[in-house]
Amino acid sequence: MSLWACGQPSEDTAVGEADTQAESTGDASSGTDGTSGTTAPTTGGTAPSDSSDDTGIVVGEAKGLLNFTFYPETAGGLPAELGMAGAWRTEPFSTDDFFAVQAWGMHLPPPPAEDNTIVNNSIPAPYEWGKDETWVVGGNALKLRGEAGESLACLLLVQDTFPVYFSDDAEFFDPLCAPDPAKWVAGADYDLIAFGGEGKDDIVLPAAVTAPPALTVTAPDIGTSLFEHDRATDMKITWDANGGQPNRVVIRVIDTYGQMLTAHAVDDGSFTIPSAELTQLAPGPATLTIAREQSFDLGLPDGDLRVVLRYEVWADPDLI
């Protein structure tokens, strides 16, 4: 769904292969050349055991991020998509959308912390991967298991260096690691499974996270591809509100050069982007994203894992 890209390492290498019989995806100590099939999986040192923050898990010091996003079909003809990616680091993440980094090379800065606030991010710098020692292998895979089935983010070495967890349908990935939009169910609870790999226990956190309700945008007319909007007028965005849930709505407008506006809106059904902000963007085809999201902070042996679940609508206004 990306209309622009920057700064993504290439030459990915898959590590491990999913197994329908064991909750594991392989030994992170081995890999492939990125073009051949993945190796058979191995499970952790013991069988998975149900655990939660209040059952005595000793939480590690790393910082983890896992995205689980549903993108409905767009007016421009892009099909529905499931975005799932994550990573562990010893340094804080500069984004809360690592899927955008890994899949599209898009560095999306976090939205402002304050409600009903908009910021101009100019053109964000390319994502800074940093030193390889700041990236941590936190087991073999991350899985979310819900009423519609299981979604698996498998271990991948980007540039043979940076360990990330990714759901992809690349030929060198096991088919069970392929994303399936049907596995994302609005409002559903999901178990989190963190696979430990060789010498590490697998961890299961039952009903640890919940997907937000589906997002229905009522204005502007996102059902029309390249709908015109005059930058000299405010852009009013409306949707079916669901303020009873612990939701956050994040809105972005990205112009043809990558300059973006990012807003944090309360889930009350409307938000207006002032014309004074829009006139700072370049005229021409742009990208509008509107996401309803919920996030959960989970304590795991490797560290604190933030899981962000989103229902994210994409549209393509033509700014004039």
C-alpha atoms as a PDB file:
ATOM      1  CA  MET A   1       0.000   0.000   0.000  1.00  0.00           C
ATOM      2  CA  SER A   2       3.003   2.269   0.152  1.00  0.00           C
ATOM      3  CA  LEU A   3       3.233   5.275  -2.123  1.00  0.00           C
ATOM      4  CA  TRP A   4       6.761   6.196  -1.014  1.00  0.00           C
ATOM      5  CA  ALA A   5       9.685   4.460   0.618  1.00  0.00           C
ATOM      6  CA  CYS A   6      13.002   5.182   2.238  1.00  0.00           C
ATOM      7  CA  GLY A   7      15.842   3.585   4.100  1.00  0.00           C
ATOM      8  CA  GLN A   8      14.889  -0.090   4.317  1.00  0.00           C
ATOM      9  CA  PRO A   9      17.709  -2.651   4.513  1.00  0.00           C
ATOM     10  CA  SER A  10      17.451  -5.457   1.983  1.00  0.00           C
ATOM     11  CA  GLU A  11      18.817  -8.972   1.511  1.00  0.00           C
ATOM     12  CA  ASP A  12      16.516 -10.546   4.088  1.00  0.00           C
ATOM     13  CA  THR A  13      17.299 -14.001   5.396  1.00  0.00           C
ATOM     14  CA  ALA A  14      14.655 -16.273   6.852  1.00  0.00           C
ATOM     15  CA  VAL A  15      15.381 -18.284   9.962  1.00  0.00           C
ATOM     16  CA  GLY A  16      13.338 -21.316  10.845  1.00  0.00           C
ATOM     17  CA  GLU A  17      10.117 -22.740   9.434  1.00  0.00           C
ATOM     18  CA  ALA A  18       6.678 -22.890  10.952  1.00  0.00           C
ATOM     19  CA  ASP A  19       5.352 -26.218  12.248  1.00  0.00           C
ATOM     20  CA  THR A  20       1.696 -27.141  12.468  1.00  0.00           C
ATOM     21  CA  GLN A  21       2.409 -29.657  15.247  1.00  0.00           C
ATOM     22  CA  ALA A  22       4.571 -27.590  17.587  1.00  0.00           C
ATOM     23  CA  GLU A  23       4.320 -23.994  18.708  1.00  0.00           C
ATOM     24  CA  SER A  24       7.742 -23.069  17.406  1.00  0.00           C
ATOM     25  CA  THR A  25       9.460 -21.803  14.290  1.00  0.00           C
ATOM     26  CA  GLY A  26      12.962 -23.115  14.396  1.00  0.00           C
ATOM     27  CA  ASP A  27      16.418 -22.539  15.798  1.00  0.00           C
ATOM     28  CA  ALA A  28      17.515 -18.938  15.475  1.00  0.00           C
ATOM     29  CA  SER A  29      21.128 -20.011  15.270  1.00  0.00           C
ATOM     30  CA  SER A  30      20.711 -21.267  11.712  1.00  0.00           C
ATOM     31  CA  GLY A  31      19.567 -19.543   8.556  1.00  0.00           C
ATOM     32  CA  THR A  32      19.243 -19.692   4.804  1.00  0.00           C
ATOM     33  CA  ASP A  33      20.559 -17.705   1.894  1.00  0.00           C
ATOM     34  CA  GLY A  34      17.233 -15.895   1.569  1.00  0.00           C
ATOM     35  CA  THR A  35      16.223 -17.784  -1.562  1.00  0.00           C
ATOM     36  CA  SER A  36      15.960 -21.436  -0.574  1.00  0.00           C
ATOM     37  CA  GLY A  37      13.402 -23.071   1.711  1.00  0.00           C
ATOM     38  CA  THR A  38      13.522 -22.609   5.437  1.00  0.00           C
ATOM     39  CA  THR A  39      14.658 -25.281   7.851  1.00  0.00           C
ATOM     40  CA  ALA A  40      12.423 -27.421  10.028  1.00  0.00           C
ATOM     41  CA  PRO A  41      11.343 -25.900  13.345  1.00  0.00           C
ATOM     42  CA  THR A  42      12.356 -26.815  16.835  1.00  0.00           C
ATOM     43  CA  THR A  43      10.442 -26.070  19.991  1.00  0.00           C
ATOM     44  CA  GLY A  44      11.750 -24.564  23.211  1.00  0.00           C
ATOM     45  CA  GLY A  45      13.396 -26.371  26.078  1.00  0.00           C
ATOM     46  CA  THR A  46      10.023 -27.322  27.539  1.00  0.00           C
ATOM     47  CA  ALA A  47       6.440 -27.451  26.353  1.00  0.00           C
ATOM     48  CA  PRO A  48       4.593 -24.143  26.219  1.00  0.00           C
ATOM     49  CA  SER A  49       3.037 -23.126  29.512  1.00  0.00           C
ATOM     50  CA  ASP A  50       0.327 -20.560  30.124  1.00  0.00           C
ATOM     51  CA  SER A  51       1.821 -17.530  31.849  1.00  0.00           C
ATOM     52  CA  SER A  52       0.823 -13.975  32.619  1.00  0.00           C
ATOM     53  CA  ASP A  53       2.285 -10.892  34.238  1.00  0.00           C
ATOM     54  CA  ASP A  54       0.915 -11.919  37.634  1.00  0.00           C
ATOM     55  CA  THR A  55       2.250 -15.476  37.558  1.00  0.00           C
ATOM     56  CA  GLY A  56       5.866 -14.757  38.335  1.00  0.00           C
ATOM     57  CA  ILE A  57       7.437 -14.094  34.911  1.00  0.00           C
ATOM     58  CA  VAL A  58      10.766 -12.364  35.353  1.00  0.00           C
ATOM     59  CA  VAL A  59      10.635  -9.573  32.795  1.00  0.00           C
ATOM     60  CA  GLY A  60      13.822  -8.930  30.824  1.00  0.00           C
ATOM     61  CA  GLU A  61      15.342  -5.580  29.930  1.00  0.00           C
ATOM     62  CA  ALA A  62      14.813  -5.504  26.149  1.00  0.00           C
ATOM     63  CA  LYS A  63      12.098  -3.426  24.492  1.00  0.00           C
ATOM     64  CA  GLY A  64       9.814  -5.193  22.040  1.00  0.00           C
ATOM     65  CA  LEU A  65       7.241  -4.029  19.519  1.00  0.00           C
ATOM     66  CA  LEU A  66       4.718  -6.138  17.607  1.00  0.00           C
ATOM     67  CA  ASN A  67       2.226  -4.725  15.086  1.00  0.00           C
ATOM     68  CA  PHE A  68      -0.940  -6.505  14.005  1.00  0.00           C
ATOM     69  CA  THR A  69      -2.850  -4.368  11.498  1.00  0.00           C
ATOM     70  CA  PHE A  70      -5.793  -4.956   9.198  1.00  0.00           C
ATOM     71  CA  TYR A  71      -5.912  -2.830   6.036  1.00  0.00           C
ATOM     72  CA  PRO A  72      -9.272  -3.062   4.213  1.00  0.00           C
ATOM     73  CA  GLU A  73      -9.514  -2.903   0.425  1.00  0.00           C
ATOM     74  CA  THR A  74      -8.938   0.569  -1.002  1.00  0.00           C
ATOM     75  CA  ALA A  75     -10.800   2.525  -3.664  1.00  0.00           C
ATOM     76  CA  GLY A  76      -7.628   2.412  -5.745  1.00  0.00           C
ATOM     77  CA  GLY A  77      -7.924  -1.367  -6.009  1.00  0.00           C
ATOM     78  CA  LEU A  78      -5.473  -2.553  -3.367  1.00  0.00           C
ATOM     79  CA  PRO A  79      -6.789  -5.751  -1.727  1.00  0.00           C
ATOM     80  CA  ALA A  80      -7.294  -6.248   1.980  1.00  0.00           C
ATOM     81  CA  GLU A  81      -4.020  -6.930   3.764  1.00  0.00           C
ATOM     82  CA  LEU A  82      -2.755  -8.131   7.132  1.00  0.00           C
ATOM     83  CA  GLY A  83       0.382  -6.422   8.415  1.00  0.00           C
ATOM     84  CA  MET A  84       2.332  -8.227  11.147  1.00  0.00           C
ATOM     85  CA  ALA A  85       5.898  -7.446  12.170  1.00  0.00           C
ATOM     86  CA  GLY A  86       7.934  -6.939  15.320  1.00  0.00           C
ATOM     87  CA  ALA A  87      11.382  -6.766  16.837  1.00  0.00           C
ATOM     88  CA  TRP A  88      13.320  -6.585  20.110  1.00  0.00           C
ATOM     89  CA  ARG A  89      15.848  -3.856  20.870  1.00  0.00           C
ATOM     90  CA  THR A  90      17.936  -2.630  23.771  1.00  0.00           C
ATOM     91  CA  GLU A  91      17.132   0.934  22.702  1.00  0.00           C
ATOM     92  CA  PRO A  92      13.683   2.550  22.418  1.00  0.00           C
ATOM     93  CA  PHE A  93      11.889   2.402  19.071  1.00  0.00           C
ATOM     94  CA  SER A  94      11.476   5.673  17.183  1.00  0.00           C
ATOM     95  CA  THR A  95       8.161   4.448  15.753  1.00  0.00           C
ATOM     96  CA  ASP A  96       5.203   2.399  16.916  1.00  0.00           C
ATOM     97  CA  ASP A  97       4.638   1.004  13.398  1.00  0.00           C
ATOM     98  CA  PHE A  98       7.512  -1.370  12.738  1.00  0.00           C
ATOM     99  CA  PHE A  99       5.488  -3.144  10.042  1.00  0.00           C
ATOM    100  CA  ALA A 100       5.687   0.015   7.933  1.00  0.00           C
ATOM    101  CA  VAL A 101       9.463   0.024   8.416  1.00  0.00           C
ATOM    102  CA  GLN A 102       9.971  -3.594   7.459  1.00  0.00           C
ATOM    103  CA  ALA A 103       7.375  -3.983   4.711  1.00  0.00           C
ATOM    104  CA  TRP A 104       7.521  -0.587   2.990  1.00  0.00           C
ATOM    105  CA  GLY A 105      10.570   1.262   4.262  1.00  0.00           C
ATOM    106  CA  MET A 106       8.293   3.930   5.754  1.00  0.00           C
ATOM    107  CA  HIS A 107       9.394   5.650   8.954  1.00  0.00           C
ATOM    108  CA  LEU A 108       6.192   6.828  10.627  1.00  0.00           C
ATOM    109  CA  PRO A 109       6.957   8.879  13.759  1.00  0.00           C
ATOM    110  CA  PRO A 110       4.676   8.270  16.744  1.00  0.00           C
ATOM    111  CA  PRO A 111       1.624  10.535  16.924  1.00  0.00           C
ATOM    112  CA  PRO A 112       1.522  13.291  19.522  1.00  0.00           C
ATOM    113  CA  ALA A 113       0.740  12.075  23.035  1.00  0.00           C
ATOM    114  CA  GLU A 114      -1.923  14.709  23.671  1.00  0.00           C
ATOM    115  CA  ASP A 115      -5.473  14.108  22.481  1.00  0.00           C
ATOM    116  CA  ASN A 116      -6.829  16.055  19.495  1.00  0.00           C
ATOM    117  CA  THR A 117      -3.407  17.313  18.500  1.00  0.00           C
ATOM    118  CA  ILE A 118      -1.745  17.528  15.076  1.00  0.00           C
ATOM    119  CA  VAL A 119       1.947  17.866  14.260  1.00  0.00           C
ATOM    120  CA  ASN A 120       3.843  18.506  11.037  1.00  0.00           C
ATOM    121  CA  ASN A 121       6.540  15.854  10.716  1.00  0.00           C
ATOM    122  CA  SER A 122       8.042  17.479   7.591  1.00  0.00           C
ATOM    123  CA  ILE A 123       9.740  14.641   5.694  1.00  0.00           C
ATOM    124  CA  PRO A 124      10.729  12.035   8.295  1.00  0.00           C
ATOM    125  CA  ALA A 125      14.328  10.897   8.180  1.00  0.00           C
ATOM    126  CA  PRO A 126      14.935   7.329   7.004  1.00  0.00           C
ATOM    127  CA  TYR A 127      14.524   4.782   9.769  1.00  0.00           C
ATOM    128  CA  GLU A 128      17.737   4.517  11.772  1.00  0.00           C
ATOM    129  CA  TRP A 129      18.539   0.841  12.285  1.00  0.00           C
ATOM    130  CA  GLY A 130      21.567   1.684  14.411  1.00  0.00           C
ATOM    131  CA  LYS A 131      24.197  -0.748  15.625  1.00  0.00           C
ATOM    132  CA  ASP A 132      23.527  -4.445  15.245  1.00  0.00           C
ATOM    133  CA  GLU A 133      24.205  -5.101  18.943  1.00  0.00           C
ATOM    134  CA  THR A 134      21.123  -3.050  19.841  1.00  0.00           C
ATOM    135  CA  TRP A 135      18.895  -5.668  18.175  1.00  0.00           C
ATOM    136  CA  VAL A 136      17.968  -8.764  20.175  1.00  0.00           C
ATOM    137  CA  VAL A 137      16.883 -12.245  19.111  1.00  0.00           C
ATOM    138  CA  GLY A 138      13.888 -12.804  21.360  1.00  0.00           C
ATOM    139  CA  GLY A 139      13.138 -16.400  20.425  1.00  0.00           C
ATOM    140  CA  ASN A 140      12.074 -17.949  17.154  1.00  0.00           C
ATOM    141  CA  ALA A 141       8.689 -16.377  16.442  1.00  0.00           C
ATOM    142  CA  LEU A 142       5.718 -14.429  17.742  1.00  0.00           C
ATOM    143  CA  LYS A 143       2.206 -15.705  17.234  1.00  0.00           C
ATOM    144  CA  LEU A 144      -1.265 -14.294  17.825  1.00  0.00           C
ATOM    145  CA  ARG A 145      -3.973 -16.937  18.139  1.00  0.00           C
ATOM    146  CA  GLY A 146      -7.622 -15.952  17.886  1.00  0.00           C
ATOM    147  CA  GLU A 147     -11.027 -17.306  17.024  1.00  0.00           C
ATOM    148  CA  ALA A 148     -10.271 -17.249  13.272  1.00  0.00           C
ATOM    149  CA  GLY A 149      -6.914 -19.011  13.551  1.00  0.00           C
ATOM    150  CA  GLU A 150      -3.238 -18.266  14.079  1.00  0.00           C
ATOM    151  CA  SER A 151      -1.034 -15.522  12.654  1.00  0.00           C
ATOM    152  CA  LEU A 152       2.698 -16.076  12.803  1.00  0.00           C
ATOM    153  CA  ALA A 153       5.557 -13.570  12.583  1.00  0.00           C
ATOM    154  CA  CYS A 154       8.656 -15.614  11.788  1.00  0.00           C
ATOM    155  CA  LEU A 155      12.248 -14.712  12.558  1.00  0.00           C
ATOM    156  CA  LEU A 156      14.018 -12.954   9.703  1.00  0.00           C
ATOM    157  CA  LEU A 157      17.533 -11.530   9.530  1.00  0.00           C
ATOM    158  CA  VAL A 158      17.525  -8.256   7.605  1.00  0.00           C
ATOM    159  CA  GLN A 159      20.866  -7.812   5.799  1.00  0.00           C
ATOM    160  CA  ASP A 160      21.885 -11.016   7.607  1.00  0.00           C
ATOM    161  CA  THR A 161      22.224  -8.804  10.681  1.00  0.00           C
ATOM    162  CA  PHE A 162      19.036  -7.384  12.198  1.00  0.00           C
ATOM    163  CA  PRO A 163      16.611  -9.933  13.724  1.00  0.00           C
ATOM    164  CA  VAL A 164      12.985  -9.037  13.044  1.00  0.00           C
ATOM    165  CA  TYR A 165       9.723 -10.972  13.132  1.00  0.00           C
ATOM    166  CA  PHE A 166       7.643 -10.797   9.992  1.00  0.00           C
ATOM    167  CA  SER A 167       4.609 -12.317   8.323  1.00  0.00           C
ATOM    168  CA  ASP A 168       5.320 -12.596   4.607  1.00  0.00           C
ATOM    169  CA  ASP A 169       4.487 -14.711   1.572  1.00  0.00           C
ATOM    170  CA  ALA A 170       7.993 -14.634   0.093  1.00  0.00           C
ATOM    171  CA  GLU A 171       9.051 -17.854  -1.612  1.00  0.00           C
ATOM    172  CA  PHE A 172      11.807 -18.540   0.921  1.00  0.00           C
ATOM    173  CA  PHE A 173       9.346 -18.267   3.855  1.00  0.00           C
ATOM    174  CA  ASP A 174       7.331 -21.177   5.152  1.00  0.00           C
ATOM    175  CA  PRO A 175       3.733 -20.871   3.852  1.00  0.00           C
ATOM    176  CA  LEU A 176       2.439 -20.824   7.425  1.00  0.00           C
ATOM    177  CA  CYS A 177       4.230 -17.503   7.894  1.00  0.00           C
ATOM    178  CA  ALA A 178       2.141 -15.905   5.136  1.00  0.00           C
ATOM    179  CA  PRO A 179      -0.294 -13.174   6.240  1.00  0.00           C
ATOM    180  CA  ASP A 180      -4.010 -13.916   5.997  1.00  0.00           C
ATOM    181  CA  PRO A 181      -6.393 -10.938   6.463  1.00  0.00           C
ATOM    182  CA  ALA A 182      -9.165 -13.357   7.476  1.00  0.00           C
ATOM    183  CA  LYS A 183      -7.260 -14.053  10.711  1.00  0.00           C
ATOM    184  CA  TRP A 184      -7.825 -10.445  11.884  1.00  0.00           C
ATOM    185  CA  VAL A 185     -11.188 -10.221  13.683  1.00  0.00           C
ATOM    186  CA  ALA A 186     -12.438  -6.862  14.934  1.00  0.00           C
ATOM    187  CA  GLY A 187     -13.053  -6.807  18.684  1.00  0.00           C
ATOM    188  CA  ALA A 188     -11.643 -10.305  19.203  1.00  0.00           C
ATOM    189  CA  ASP A 189      -9.241 -11.439  21.918  1.00  0.00           C
ATOM    190  CA  TYR A 190      -5.927 -13.053  20.972  1.00  0.00           C
ATOM    191  CA  ASP A 191      -3.499 -15.262  22.845  1.00  0.00           C
ATOM    192  CA  LEU A 192       0.118 -14.228  22.504  1.00  0.00           C
ATOM    193  CA  ILE A 193       2.671 -17.007  22.027  1.00  0.00           C
ATOM    194  CA  ALA A 194       6.370 -16.174  22.213  1.00  0.00           C
ATOM    195  CA  PHE A 195       8.500 -19.063  20.991  1.00  0.00           C
ATOM    196  CA  GLY A 196      11.747 -19.498  22.868  1.00  0.00           C
ATOM    197  CA  GLY A 197      13.714 -21.746  20.539  1.00  0.00           C
ATOM    198  CA  GLU A 198      16.546 -23.987  21.645  1.00  0.00           C
ATOM    199  CA  GLY A 199      17.187 -23.764  25.378  1.00  0.00           C
ATOM    200  CA  LYS A 200      14.360 -21.310  26.065  1.00  0.00           C
ATOM    201  CA  ASP A 201      10.821 -21.974  27.188  1.00  0.00           C
ATOM    202  CA  ASP A 202       7.877 -20.964  25.048  1.00  0.00           C
ATOM    203  CA  ILE A 203       5.457 -18.549  26.723  1.00  0.00           C
ATOM    204  CA  VAL A 204       1.690 -18.404  26.208  1.00  0.00           C
ATOM    205  CA  LEU A 205      -0.319 -15.420  27.448  1.00  0.00           C
ATOM    206  CA  PRO A 206      -4.028 -16.264  27.066  1.00  0.00           C
ATOM    207  CA  ALA A 207      -6.347 -13.510  25.821  1.00  0.00           C
ATOM    208  CA  ALA A 208      -3.502 -11.028  26.233  1.00  0.00           C
ATOM    209  CA  VAL A 209      -4.585  -8.507  23.589  1.00  0.00           C
ATOM    210  CA  THR A 210      -7.793  -7.344  21.919  1.00  0.00           C
ATOM    211  CA  ALA A 211      -8.301  -6.011  18.405  1.00  0.00           C
ATOM    212  CA  PRO A 212     -10.149  -2.688  18.140  1.00  0.00           C
ATOM    213  CA  PRO A 213     -13.569  -2.454  16.499  1.00  0.00           C
ATOM    214  CA  ALA A 214     -13.673  -2.012  12.735  1.00  0.00           C
ATOM    215  CA  LEU A 215     -13.430   1.578  11.508  1.00  0.00           C
ATOM    216  CA  THR A 216     -16.061   2.993   9.162  1.00  0.00           C
ATOM    217  CA  VAL A 217     -15.051   6.351   7.654  1.00  0.00           C
ATOM    218  CA  THR A 218     -17.999   8.513   6.562  1.00  0.00           C
ATOM    219  CA  ALA A 219     -16.102  11.561   5.228  1.00  0.00           C
ATOM    220  CA  PRO A 220     -14.260  12.390   3.071  1.00  0.00           C
ATOM    221  CA  ASP A 221     -15.371  10.134   0.241  1.00  0.00           C
ATOM    222  CA  ILE A 222     -12.681   7.465   0.574  1.00  0.00           C
ATOM    223  CA  GLY A 223     -14.706   5.242  -1.764  1.00  0.00           C
ATOM    224  CA  THR A 224     -13.517   7.425  -4.636  1.00  0.00           C
ATOM    225  CA  SER A 225      -9.948   7.118  -5.823  1.00  0.00           C
ATOM    226  CA  LEU A 226      -8.109  10.465  -6.088  1.00  0.00           C
ATOM    227  CA  PHE A 227     -10.936  12.537  -4.666  1.00  0.00           C
ATOM    228  CA  GLU A 228     -10.048  16.219  -4.849  1.00  0.00           C
ATOM    229  CA  HIS A 229      -9.475  18.382  -1.796  1.00  0.00           C
ATOM    230  CA  ASP A 230      -8.565  22.052  -1.863  1.00  0.00           C
ATOM    231  CA  ARG A 231      -5.671  22.653   0.531  1.00  0.00           C
ATOM    232  CA  ALA A 232      -7.094  26.111   1.254  1.00  0.00           C
ATOM    233  CA  THR A 233     -10.068  24.507   3.032  1.00  0.00           C
ATOM    234  CA  ASP A 234     -10.158  22.431   6.203  1.00  0.00           C
ATOM    235  CA  MET A 235     -10.338  18.670   5.792  1.00  0.00           C
ATOM    236  CA  LYS A 236     -13.053  17.302   8.077  1.00  0.00           C
ATOM    237  CA  ILE A 237     -12.746  13.595   8.756  1.00  0.00           C
ATOM    238  CA  THR A 238     -15.699  11.736  10.256  1.00  0.00           C
ATOM    239  CA  TRP A 239     -16.233   8.114  11.229  1.00  0.00           C
ATOM    240  CA  ASP A 240     -18.560   5.925  13.278  1.00  0.00           C
ATOM    241  CA  ALA A 241     -17.386   6.633  16.822  1.00  0.00           C
ATOM    242  CA  ASN A 242     -16.598   3.943  19.356  1.00  0.00           C
ATOM    243  CA  GLY A 243     -15.438   6.018  22.306  1.00  0.00           C
ATOM    244  CA  GLY A 244     -16.491   3.388  24.833  1.00  0.00           C
ATOM    245  CA  GLN A 245     -13.397   1.383  23.958  1.00  0.00           C
ATOM    246  CA  PRO A 246      -9.806   2.281  24.968  1.00  0.00           C
ATOM    247  CA  ASN A 247      -9.102   3.351  21.415  1.00  0.00           C
ATOM    248  CA  ARG A 248      -6.827   5.912  19.850  1.00  0.00           C
ATOM    249  CA  VAL A 249      -7.426   7.228  16.341  1.00  0.00           C
ATOM    250  CA  VAL A 250      -4.300   8.186  14.401  1.00  0.00           C
ATOM    251  CA  ILE A 251      -4.678  10.213  11.200  1.00  0.00           C
ATOM    252  CA  ARG A 252      -1.913  10.959   8.705  1.00  0.00           C
ATOM    253  CA  VAL A 253      -1.808  12.963   5.499  1.00  0.00           C
ATOM    254  CA  ILE A 254       1.333  12.329   3.430  1.00  0.00           C
ATOM    255  CA  ASP A 255       2.069  14.350   0.332  1.00  0.00           C
ATOM    256  CA  THR A 256       3.743  13.121  -2.843  1.00  0.00           C
ATOM    257  CA  TYR A 257       7.214  13.937  -1.444  1.00  0.00           C
ATOM    258  CA  GLY A 258       6.740  12.209   1.914  1.00  0.00           C
ATOM    259  CA  GLN A 259       6.019  15.250   4.076  1.00  0.00           C
ATOM    260  CA  MET A 260       3.353  14.304   6.563  1.00  0.00           C
ATOM    261  CA  LEU A 261       0.867  15.592   9.062  1.00  0.00           C
ATOM    262  CA  THR A 262       0.136  13.289  12.009  1.00  0.00           C
ATOM    263  CA  ALA A 263      -2.834  13.669  14.328  1.00  0.00           C
ATOM    264  CA  HIS A 264      -3.923  11.939  17.518  1.00  0.00           C
ATOM    265  CA  ALA A 265      -7.733  12.071  17.678  1.00  0.00           C
ATOM    266  CA  VAL A 266     -10.188  11.000  20.352  1.00  0.00           C
ATOM    267  CA  ASP A 267     -12.514   8.274  19.087  1.00  0.00           C
ATOM    268  CA  ASP A 268     -15.544  10.587  19.135  1.00  0.00           C
ATOM    269  CA  GLY A 269     -16.301  10.462  15.412  1.00  0.00           C
ATOM    270  CA  SER A 270     -14.689  13.572  13.960  1.00  0.00           C
ATOM    271  CA  PHE A 271     -11.432  15.454  13.538  1.00  0.00           C
ATOM    272  CA  THR A 272     -10.581  18.481  11.406  1.00  0.00           C
ATOM    273  CA  ILE A 273      -7.218  19.127   9.783  1.00  0.00           C
ATOM    274  CA  PRO A 274      -6.906  22.915   9.415  1.00  0.00           C
ATOM    275  CA  SER A 275      -6.171  24.429   6.038  1.00  0.00           C
ATOM    276  CA  ALA A 276      -3.147  26.159   7.584  1.00  0.00           C
ATOM    277  CA  GLU A 277      -1.600  22.705   7.999  1.00  0.00           C
ATOM    278  CA  LEU A 278      -2.708  21.376   4.618  1.00  0.00           C
ATOM    279  CA  THR A 279      -1.204  24.308   2.723  1.00  0.00           C
ATOM    280  CA  GLN A 280       2.221  23.197   3.990  1.00  0.00           C
ATOM    281  CA  LEU A 281       1.853  20.023   1.929  1.00  0.00           C
ATOM    282  CA  ALA A 282       2.649  19.833  -1.767  1.00  0.00           C
ATOM    283  CA  PRO A 283      -0.192  19.706  -4.312  1.00  0.00           C
ATOM    284  CA  GLY A 284      -0.818  16.449  -6.102  1.00  0.00           C
ATOM    285  CA  PRO A 285      -1.665  12.843  -5.198  1.00  0.00           C
ATOM    286  CA  ALA A 286      -1.370  12.165  -1.475  1.00  0.00           C
ATOM    287  CA  THR A 287      -2.036   9.435   1.056  1.00  0.00           C
ATOM    288  CA  LEU A 288      -4.588   9.657   3.858  1.00  0.00           C
ATOM    289  CA  THR A 289      -4.538   7.006   6.584  1.00  0.00           C
ATOM    290  CA  ILE A 290      -7.032   6.729   9.436  1.00  0.00           C
ATOM    291  CA  ALA A 291      -6.376   4.068  12.063  1.00  0.00           C
ATOM    292  CA  ARG A 292      -8.265   2.953  15.146  1.00  0.00           C
ATOM    293  CA  GLU A 293      -5.801   1.251  17.450  1.00  0.00           C
ATOM    294  CA  GLN A 294      -5.339  -0.346  20.836  1.00  0.00           C
ATOM    295  CA  SER A 295      -2.009  -1.141  22.471  1.00  0.00           C
ATOM    296  CA  PHE A 296      -0.987  -3.537  25.232  1.00  0.00           C
ATOM    297  CA  ASP A 297       2.247  -3.753  27.211  1.00  0.00           C
ATOM    298  CA  LEU A 298       3.171  -7.334  28.109  1.00  0.00           C
ATOM    299  CA  GLY A 299       5.986  -8.540  30.341  1.00  0.00           C
ATOM    300  CA  LEU A 300       7.998 -11.416  28.833  1.00  0.00           C
ATOM    301  CA  PRO A 301      11.330 -13.021  29.760  1.00  0.00           C
ATOM    302  CA  ASP A 302      13.045 -11.010  27.024  1.00  0.00           C
ATOM    303  CA  GLY A 303      11.528  -7.705  28.129  1.00  0.00           C
ATOM    304  CA  ASP A 304       8.485  -5.479  27.746  1.00  0.00           C
ATOM    305  CA  LEU A 305       6.597  -6.225  24.525  1.00  0.00           C
ATOM    306  CA  ARG A 306       4.233  -3.553  23.243  1.00  0.00           C
ATOM    307  CA  VAL A 307       1.562  -5.045  20.974  1.00  0.00           C
ATOM    308  CA  VAL A 308      -0.286  -2.524  18.801  1.00  0.00           C
ATOM    309  CA  LEU A 309      -3.417  -3.716  16.999  1.00  0.00           C
ATOM    310  CA  ARG A 310      -4.941  -1.488  14.319  1.00  0.00           C
ATOM    311  CA  TYR A 311      -7.747  -1.231  11.830  1.00  0.00           C
ATOM    312  CA  GLU A 312      -6.243   1.177   9.311  1.00  0.00           C
ATOM    313  CA  VAL A 313      -8.059   2.703   6.350  1.00  0.00           C
ATOM    314  CA  TRP A 314      -6.053   4.095   3.403  1.00  0.00           C
ATOM    315  CA  ALA A 315      -7.277   6.640   0.867  1.00  0.00           C
ATOM    316  CA  ASP A 316      -5.679   8.694  -1.891  1.00  0.00           C
ATOM    317  CA  PRO A 317      -6.808  12.335  -1.989  1.00  0.00           C
ATOM    318  CA  ASP A 318      -5.641  14.659  -4.733  1.00  0.00           C
ATOM    319  CA  LEU A 319      -4.546  17.856  -3.010  1.00  0.00           C
ATOM    320  CA  ILE A 320      -5.149  20.940  -5.137  1.00  0.00           C
END
